Amino acid sequence: MDEGNWLKRFRRSRRDKWIGGVCGGLEEITTLPSWTWRLIFALLFLCYGVGLIPYILLWIFVPKEGEEKGA
């Protein structure tokens, strides 16, 4: 993985999504499957109450697959 380019390639998934496609998009740029990301966000929310905030922020600011940033 090209370290300098991963953030530019990060997009919300249209295929692998339950709510917003954030975890499916994270799967595409990391080695972790999407169910693991879902578990991480759920555990962070249930244990510390903070998993929902980063998920919502990623949902708002990360574009969907096929959308150009700034378009």
Foldseek 3Di string as FASTA:
>chain_A
DPPVCLVVQQAFEPPDDDPQRNLVSVVVSDVDHSVVVVVVLVCCCVPPNPSVVVVVVCSVQGHHPPDHPPD
